[in-house]
Amino acid sequence: MALMARRLVQLYVGLALYGFGIALQVSSGLGNDPWDVFHQGLSRRFGLSIGAWIIIAGAVVMLAWIPLRQRPGIGTISNVLLIGVFADLFLWLLPEPDALAARSAYLVVAVLVGGVATGCYIGAGLGPGPRDGLMTGIAARGHSVRVVRTGIELTVLAAGWLLGGTVGIGTLLYAVAIGPLTHVFLPILTIKPPAKEAAPQPTPEPTHA
């Protein structure tokens, strides 16, 4: 019971941090990660908030799990429902930076927070995010995880850019830094079950939750 409580607390802290990181990076105006380029592009083209589109896109991606026979966990459902809520909340709360130094600080903190958030939600072990599940589900059909991840992210990045989402140095920084940051934080934040319950499980490549 105590272990599950710890996992749940870490999961929801991680999802809140994800929303915070998204809000920081979007507010910086220096370029979003690929999925948030897409979400922002949808918001600019069709209305609704970025957070609303994060929720809608996550739900649609989960539909693709059905033919892939992926099973969601409580972390998956929570991911779909809450990251967008937290993103919109922090976008509303954060002051809009004007100076380049402040915008750069937002960006650097956003990427660092994204690494911690990834370690939190994957380390909680309560189910992958919808986008991670799509990636690993396709890869399980005999494709390289890296090739699948790159293909998906390039597709949403291109679509988001065409829709008007912000692409910039922040997009590149996130792509380069999120893997190494996750490599650092995931072992620290992984909650290991008691030895009798432990079973090896594949770790998904870090991507947008």
C-alpha atoms as a PDB file:
ATOM      1  CA  MET A   1       0.000   0.000   0.000  1.00  0.00           C
ATOM      2  CA  ALA A   2       2.785   2.426   0.931  1.00  0.00           C
ATOM      3  CA  LEU A   3       4.639   1.562  -2.273  1.00  0.00           C
ATOM      4  CA  MET A   4       1.568   2.253  -4.418  1.00  0.00           C
ATOM      5  CA  ALA A   5       0.988   5.554  -2.609  1.00  0.00           C
ATOM      6  CA  ARG A   6       4.578   6.548  -3.330  1.00  0.00           C
ATOM      7  CA  ARG A   7       4.151   5.622  -6.989  1.00  0.00           C
ATOM      8  CA  LEU A   8       0.952   7.657  -7.285  1.00  0.00           C
ATOM      9  CA  VAL A   9       2.509  10.710  -5.633  1.00  0.00           C
ATOM     10  CA  GLN A  10       5.528  10.509  -7.936  1.00  0.00           C
ATOM     11  CA  LEU A  11       3.304  10.021 -10.992  1.00  0.00           C
ATOM     12  CA  TYR A  12       1.206  13.110 -10.291  1.00  0.00           C
ATOM     13  CA  VAL A  13       4.223  15.222  -9.357  1.00  0.00           C
ATOM     14  CA  GLY A  14       5.749  14.155 -12.667  1.00  0.00           C
ATOM     15  CA  LEU A  15       2.629  15.083 -14.639  1.00  0.00           C
ATOM     16  CA  ALA A  16       2.468  18.492 -12.942  1.00  0.00           C
ATOM     17  CA  LEU A  17       6.143  19.044 -13.772  1.00  0.00           C
ATOM     18  CA  TYR A  18       5.452  18.077 -17.378  1.00  0.00           C
ATOM     19  CA  GLY A  19       2.770  20.720 -17.586  1.00  0.00           C
ATOM     20  CA  PHE A  20       5.101  23.253 -15.971  1.00  0.00           C
ATOM     21  CA  GLY A  21       7.875  22.440 -18.429  1.00  0.00           C
ATOM     22  CA  ILE A  22       5.538  22.762 -21.408  1.00  0.00           C
ATOM     23  CA  ALA A  23       4.295  26.124 -20.163  1.00  0.00           C
ATOM     24  CA  LEU A  24       7.849  27.411 -19.670  1.00  0.00           C
ATOM     25  CA  GLN A  25       8.968  26.316 -23.131  1.00  0.00           C
ATOM     26  CA  VAL A  26       5.891  27.674 -24.904  1.00  0.00           C
ATOM     27  CA  SER A  27       6.183  30.970 -22.991  1.00  0.00           C
ATOM     28  CA  SER A  28       9.839  31.313 -23.982  1.00  0.00           C
ATOM     29  CA  GLY A  29       8.824  31.645 -27.628  1.00  0.00           C
ATOM     30  CA  LEU A  30      12.128  30.029 -28.639  1.00  0.00           C
ATOM     31  CA  GLY A  31      10.720  26.770 -29.980  1.00  0.00           C
ATOM     32  CA  ASN A  32       8.659  23.933 -28.551  1.00  0.00           C
ATOM     33  CA  ASP A  33       9.313  20.214 -28.473  1.00  0.00           C
ATOM     34  CA  PRO A  34       7.859  18.448 -31.566  1.00  0.00           C
ATOM     35  CA  TRP A  35       4.541  17.395 -30.032  1.00  0.00           C
ATOM     36  CA  ASP A  36       3.928  20.854 -28.574  1.00  0.00           C
ATOM     37  CA  VAL A  37       4.733  22.480 -31.910  1.00  0.00           C
ATOM     38  CA  PHE A  38       1.823  20.352 -33.130  1.00  0.00           C
ATOM     39  CA  HIS A  39      -0.455  21.209 -30.200  1.00  0.00           C
ATOM     40  CA  GLN A  40       0.303  24.915 -30.497  1.00  0.00           C
ATOM     41  CA  GLY A  41      -0.279  24.804 -34.260  1.00  0.00           C
ATOM     42  CA  LEU A  42      -3.679  23.201 -33.731  1.00  0.00           C
ATOM     43  CA  SER A  43      -4.515  25.835 -31.116  1.00  0.00           C
ATOM     44  CA  ARG A  44      -3.558  28.689 -33.416  1.00  0.00           C
ATOM     45  CA  ARG A  45      -5.374  27.260 -36.427  1.00  0.00           C
ATOM     46  CA  PHE A  46      -8.567  25.890 -34.858  1.00  0.00           C
ATOM     47  CA  GLY A  47      -8.891  27.601 -31.478  1.00  0.00           C
ATOM     48  CA  LEU A  48      -9.056  25.952 -28.029  1.00  0.00           C
ATOM     49  CA  SER A  49      -6.091  26.077 -25.686  1.00  0.00           C
ATOM     50  CA  ILE A  50      -2.807  24.224 -26.058  1.00  0.00           C
ATOM     51  CA  GLY A  51      -3.759  22.137 -23.036  1.00  0.00           C
ATOM     52  CA  ALA A  52      -7.072  21.163 -24.620  1.00  0.00           C
ATOM     53  CA  TRP A  53      -5.246  19.958 -27.728  1.00  0.00           C
ATOM     54  CA  ILE A  54      -2.757  18.011 -25.595  1.00  0.00           C
ATOM     55  CA  ILE A  55      -5.720  16.149 -24.091  1.00  0.00           C
ATOM     56  CA  ILE A  56      -7.486  15.635 -27.437  1.00  0.00           C
ATOM     57  CA  ALA A  57      -4.311  14.450 -29.193  1.00  0.00           C
ATOM     58  CA  GLY A  58      -3.498  12.082 -26.325  1.00  0.00           C
ATOM     59  CA  ALA A  59      -6.968  10.544 -26.486  1.00  0.00           C
ATOM     60  CA  VAL A  60      -6.745  10.118 -30.266  1.00  0.00           C
ATOM     61  CA  VAL A  61      -3.296   8.532 -29.986  1.00  0.00           C
ATOM     62  CA  MET A  62      -4.696   6.063 -27.464  1.00  0.00           C
ATOM     63  CA  LEU A  63      -7.202   4.880 -30.063  1.00  0.00           C
ATOM     64  CA  ALA A  64      -4.215   3.697 -32.095  1.00  0.00           C
ATOM     65  CA  TRP A  65      -3.334   1.423 -29.175  1.00  0.00           C
ATOM     66  CA  ILE A  66      -6.322  -0.803 -29.961  1.00  0.00           C
ATOM     67  CA  PRO A  67      -4.908  -2.520 -33.075  1.00  0.00           C
ATOM     68  CA  LEU A  68      -1.473  -2.548 -31.437  1.00  0.00           C
ATOM     69  CA  ARG A  69      -2.964  -4.351 -28.402  1.00  0.00           C
ATOM     70  CA  GLN A  70      -1.309  -2.004 -25.945  1.00  0.00           C
ATOM     71  CA  ARG A  71      -2.736  -1.908 -22.413  1.00  0.00           C
ATOM     72  CA  PRO A  72      -3.060   1.425 -20.636  1.00  0.00           C
ATOM     73  CA  GLY A  73      -2.355   1.845 -16.947  1.00  0.00           C
ATOM     74  CA  ILE A  74      -3.537   4.425 -14.454  1.00  0.00           C
ATOM     75  CA  GLY A  75      -0.495   6.473 -15.442  1.00  0.00           C
ATOM     76  CA  THR A  76      -1.596   6.427 -19.073  1.00  0.00           C
ATOM     77  CA  ILE A  77      -5.104   7.666 -18.333  1.00  0.00           C
ATOM     78  CA  SER A  78      -3.814  10.268 -15.877  1.00  0.00           C
ATOM     79  CA  ASN A  79      -1.306  11.427 -18.474  1.00  0.00           C
ATOM     80  CA  VAL A  80      -4.030  11.996 -21.076  1.00  0.00           C
ATOM     81  CA  LEU A  81      -6.300  13.862 -18.678  1.00  0.00           C
ATOM     82  CA  LEU A  82      -3.897  15.952 -16.599  1.00  0.00           C
ATOM     83  CA  ILE A  83      -0.842  17.160 -18.522  1.00  0.00           C
ATOM     84  CA  GLY A  84      -2.965  19.489 -20.644  1.00  0.00           C
ATOM     85  CA  VAL A  85      -4.721  20.817 -17.532  1.00  0.00           C
ATOM     86  CA  PHE A  86      -1.399  21.537 -15.832  1.00  0.00           C
ATOM     87  CA  ALA A  87       0.027  23.109 -19.008  1.00  0.00           C
ATOM     88  CA  ASP A  88      -2.894  25.521 -19.299  1.00  0.00           C
ATOM     89  CA  LEU A  89      -2.765  26.317 -15.568  1.00  0.00           C
ATOM     90  CA  PHE A  90       0.933  27.224 -15.665  1.00  0.00           C
ATOM     91  CA  LEU A  91       0.563  29.118 -18.949  1.00  0.00           C
ATOM     92  CA  TRP A  92      -2.016  31.251 -17.138  1.00  0.00           C
ATOM     93  CA  LEU A  93       0.114  31.684 -13.999  1.00  0.00           C
ATOM     94  CA  LEU A  94       3.529  32.354 -15.539  1.00  0.00           C
ATOM     95  CA  PRO A  95       4.506  35.949 -16.334  1.00  0.00           C
ATOM     96  CA  GLU A  96       5.262  36.525 -20.014  1.00  0.00           C
ATOM     97  CA  PRO A  97       9.035  37.105 -20.423  1.00  0.00           C
ATOM     98  CA  ASP A  98      10.159  39.971 -22.649  1.00  0.00           C
ATOM     99  CA  ALA A  99      13.950  40.077 -22.444  1.00  0.00           C
ATOM    100  CA  LEU A 100      15.915  37.435 -24.324  1.00  0.00           C
ATOM    101  CA  ALA A 101      17.757  36.510 -21.119  1.00  0.00           C
ATOM    102  CA  ALA A 102      14.463  35.737 -19.352  1.00  0.00           C
ATOM    103  CA  ARG A 103      13.146  33.771 -22.330  1.00  0.00           C
ATOM    104  CA  SER A 104      16.400  31.796 -22.478  1.00  0.00           C
ATOM    105  CA  ALA A 105      16.141  31.037 -18.765  1.00  0.00           C
ATOM    106  CA  TYR A 106      12.574  29.788 -19.277  1.00  0.00           C
ATOM    107  CA  LEU A 107      13.816  27.490 -22.040  1.00  0.00           C
ATOM    108  CA  VAL A 108      16.735  26.015 -20.085  1.00  0.00           C
ATOM    109  CA  VAL A 109      14.583  25.400 -16.996  1.00  0.00           C
ATOM    110  CA  ALA A 110      11.859  23.877 -19.211  1.00  0.00           C
ATOM    111  CA  VAL A 111      14.240  21.287 -20.635  1.00  0.00           C
ATOM    112  CA  LEU A 112      15.644  20.423 -17.197  1.00  0.00           C
ATOM    113  CA  VAL A 113      12.130  20.102 -15.772  1.00  0.00           C
ATOM    114  CA  GLY A 114      11.191  17.885 -18.716  1.00  0.00           C
ATOM    115  CA  GLY A 115      14.016  15.493 -17.835  1.00  0.00           C
ATOM    116  CA  VAL A 116      12.933  15.270 -14.202  1.00  0.00           C
ATOM    117  CA  ALA A 117       9.281  14.862 -15.201  1.00  0.00           C
ATOM    118  CA  THR A 118      10.137  12.024 -17.591  1.00  0.00           C
ATOM    119  CA  GLY A 119      12.067  10.242 -14.852  1.00  0.00           C
ATOM    120  CA  CYS A 120       9.140  10.698 -12.454  1.00  0.00           C
ATOM    121  CA  TYR A 121       6.369   9.318 -14.626  1.00  0.00           C
ATOM    122  CA  ILE A 122       8.343   6.449 -16.192  1.00  0.00           C
ATOM    123  CA  GLY A 123       9.972   5.652 -12.845  1.00  0.00           C
ATOM    124  CA  ALA A 124       6.570   5.398 -11.159  1.00  0.00           C
ATOM    125  CA  GLY A 125       5.892   2.310 -13.300  1.00  0.00           C
ATOM    126  CA  LEU A 126       2.151   2.893 -13.659  1.00  0.00           C
ATOM    127  CA  GLY A 127       1.859   2.818 -17.437  1.00  0.00           C
ATOM    128  CA  PRO A 128       3.465   4.658 -20.345  1.00  0.00           C
ATOM    129  CA  GLY A 129       2.194   7.922 -21.757  1.00  0.00           C
ATOM    130  CA  PRO A 130      -0.010   7.587 -24.845  1.00  0.00           C
ATOM    131  CA  ARG A 131       2.755   8.723 -27.207  1.00  0.00           C
ATOM    132  CA  ASP A 132       5.330   6.395 -25.630  1.00  0.00           C
ATOM    133  CA  GLY A 133       2.869   3.519 -25.893  1.00  0.00           C
ATOM    134  CA  LEU A 134       2.246   4.239 -29.567  1.00  0.00           C
ATOM    135  CA  MET A 135       5.983   4.254 -30.214  1.00  0.00           C
ATOM    136  CA  THR A 136       6.745   1.037 -28.336  1.00  0.00           C
ATOM    137  CA  GLY A 137       3.655  -0.675 -29.787  1.00  0.00           C
ATOM    138  CA  ILE A 138       4.764   0.024 -33.356  1.00  0.00           C
ATOM    139  CA  ALA A 139       8.345  -0.934 -32.515  1.00  0.00           C
ATOM    140  CA  ALA A 140       7.120  -4.262 -31.121  1.00  0.00           C
ATOM    141  CA  ARG A 141       5.954  -5.118 -34.658  1.00  0.00           C
ATOM    142  CA  GLY A 142       9.594  -5.509 -35.657  1.00  0.00           C
ATOM    143  CA  HIS A 143      10.727  -1.923 -36.172  1.00  0.00           C
ATOM    144  CA  SER A 144      13.573   0.012 -34.571  1.00  0.00           C
ATOM    145  CA  VAL A 145      12.414   2.110 -31.612  1.00  0.00           C
ATOM    146  CA  ARG A 146      14.661   4.965 -32.686  1.00  0.00           C
ATOM    147  CA  VAL A 147      13.396   4.877 -36.267  1.00  0.00           C
ATOM    148  CA  VAL A 148       9.766   4.783 -35.105  1.00  0.00           C
ATOM    149  CA  ARG A 149      10.321   7.601 -32.614  1.00  0.00           C
ATOM    150  CA  THR A 150      12.114   9.750 -35.180  1.00  0.00           C
ATOM    151  CA  GLY A 151       9.424   9.137 -37.798  1.00  0.00           C
ATOM    152  CA  ILE A 152       6.572  10.035 -35.438  1.00  0.00           C
ATOM    153  CA  GLU A 153       8.254  13.156 -34.084  1.00  0.00           C
ATOM    154  CA  LEU A 154       9.299  14.440 -37.513  1.00  0.00           C
ATOM    155  CA  THR A 155       5.730  13.930 -38.723  1.00  0.00           C
ATOM    156  CA  VAL A 156       4.116  15.868 -35.872  1.00  0.00           C
ATOM    157  CA  LEU A 157       6.847  18.518 -36.042  1.00  0.00           C
ATOM    158  CA  ALA A 158       6.238  19.115 -39.748  1.00  0.00           C
ATOM    159  CA  ALA A 159       2.460  19.152 -39.285  1.00  0.00           C
ATOM    160  CA  GLY A 160       2.734  21.542 -36.339  1.00  0.00           C
ATOM    161  CA  TRP A 161       5.044  23.891 -38.228  1.00  0.00           C
ATOM    162  CA  LEU A 162       2.661  23.971 -41.186  1.00  0.00           C
ATOM    163  CA  LEU A 163      -0.174  24.783 -38.758  1.00  0.00           C
ATOM    164  CA  GLY A 164       1.780  27.680 -37.272  1.00  0.00           C
ATOM    165  CA  GLY A 165       3.477  26.155 -34.222  1.00  0.00           C
ATOM    166  CA  THR A 166       6.762  27.659 -33.030  1.00  0.00           C
ATOM    167  CA  VAL A 167       9.938  25.883 -34.164  1.00  0.00           C
ATOM    168  CA  GLY A 168      13.302  27.233 -33.042  1.00  0.00           C
ATOM    169  CA  ILE A 169      16.439  26.674 -31.018  1.00  0.00           C
ATOM    170  CA  GLY A 170      14.310  25.313 -28.182  1.00  0.00           C
ATOM    171  CA  THR A 171      13.072  22.508 -30.441  1.00  0.00           C
ATOM    172  CA  LEU A 172      16.648  21.472 -31.161  1.00  0.00           C
ATOM    173  CA  LEU A 173      17.774  21.859 -27.544  1.00  0.00           C
ATOM    174  CA  TYR A 174      14.935  19.665 -26.300  1.00  0.00           C
ATOM    175  CA  ALA A 175      15.670  16.981 -28.905  1.00  0.00           C
ATOM    176  CA  VAL A 176      19.369  16.901 -28.007  1.00  0.00           C
ATOM    177  CA  ALA A 177      19.068  17.163 -24.230  1.00  0.00           C
ATOM    178  CA  ILE A 178      16.011  15.144 -23.205  1.00  0.00           C
ATOM    179  CA  GLY A 179      17.644  11.744 -23.782  1.00  0.00           C
ATOM    180  CA  PRO A 180      20.759  12.422 -21.673  1.00  0.00           C
ATOM    181  CA  LEU A 181      18.687  14.098 -18.941  1.00  0.00           C
ATOM    182  CA  THR A 182      16.357  11.109 -18.771  1.00  0.00           C
ATOM    183  CA  HIS A 183      19.399   8.830 -18.616  1.00  0.00           C
ATOM    184  CA  VAL A 184      20.485  10.726 -15.500  1.00  0.00           C
ATOM    185  CA  PHE A 185      17.140  11.092 -13.715  1.00  0.00           C
ATOM    186  CA  LEU A 186      15.383   7.812 -14.559  1.00  0.00           C
ATOM    187  CA  PRO A 187      17.651   5.522 -12.469  1.00  0.00           C
ATOM    188  CA  ILE A 188      17.364   7.949  -9.537  1.00  0.00           C
ATOM    189  CA  LEU A 189      13.566   8.124  -9.721  1.00  0.00           C
ATOM    190  CA  THR A 190      12.692   4.539 -10.631  1.00  0.00           C
ATOM    191  CA  ILE A 191      10.694   2.935  -7.816  1.00  0.00           C
ATOM    192  CA  LYS A 192      11.735  -0.689  -7.520  1.00  0.00           C
ATOM    193  CA  PRO A 193       9.147  -3.203  -6.280  1.00  0.00           C
ATOM    194  CA  PRO A 194      10.052  -5.742  -3.582  1.00  0.00           C
ATOM    195  CA  ALA A 195      12.328  -8.477  -4.880  1.00  0.00           C
ATOM    196  CA  LYS A 196       9.570 -11.110  -5.037  1.00  0.00           C
ATOM    197  CA  GLU A 197       7.470  -8.818  -7.273  1.00  0.00           C
ATOM    198  CA  ALA A 198      10.272  -7.527  -9.455  1.00  0.00           C
ATOM    199  CA  ALA A 199      10.150  -8.437 -13.130  1.00  0.00           C
ATOM    200  CA  PRO A 200      12.199  -6.968 -15.966  1.00  0.00           C
ATOM    201  CA  GLN A 201      10.241  -4.502 -18.078  1.00  0.00           C
ATOM    202  CA  PRO A 202      11.326  -2.589 -21.162  1.00  0.00           C
ATOM    203  CA  THR A 203      11.968   1.111 -20.651  1.00  0.00           C
ATOM    204  CA  PRO A 204      10.419   3.320 -23.341  1.00  0.00           C
ATOM    205  CA  GLU A 205      12.511   5.862 -25.182  1.00  0.00           C
ATOM    206  CA  PRO A 206      11.901   9.314 -23.674  1.00  0.00           C
ATOM    207  CA  THR A 207       9.549  11.461 -25.691  1.00  0.00           C
ATOM    208  CA  HIS A 208       6.659  13.789 -24.995  1.00  0.00           C
ATOM    209  CA  ALA A 209       4.443  12.193 -22.350  1.00  0.00           C
END
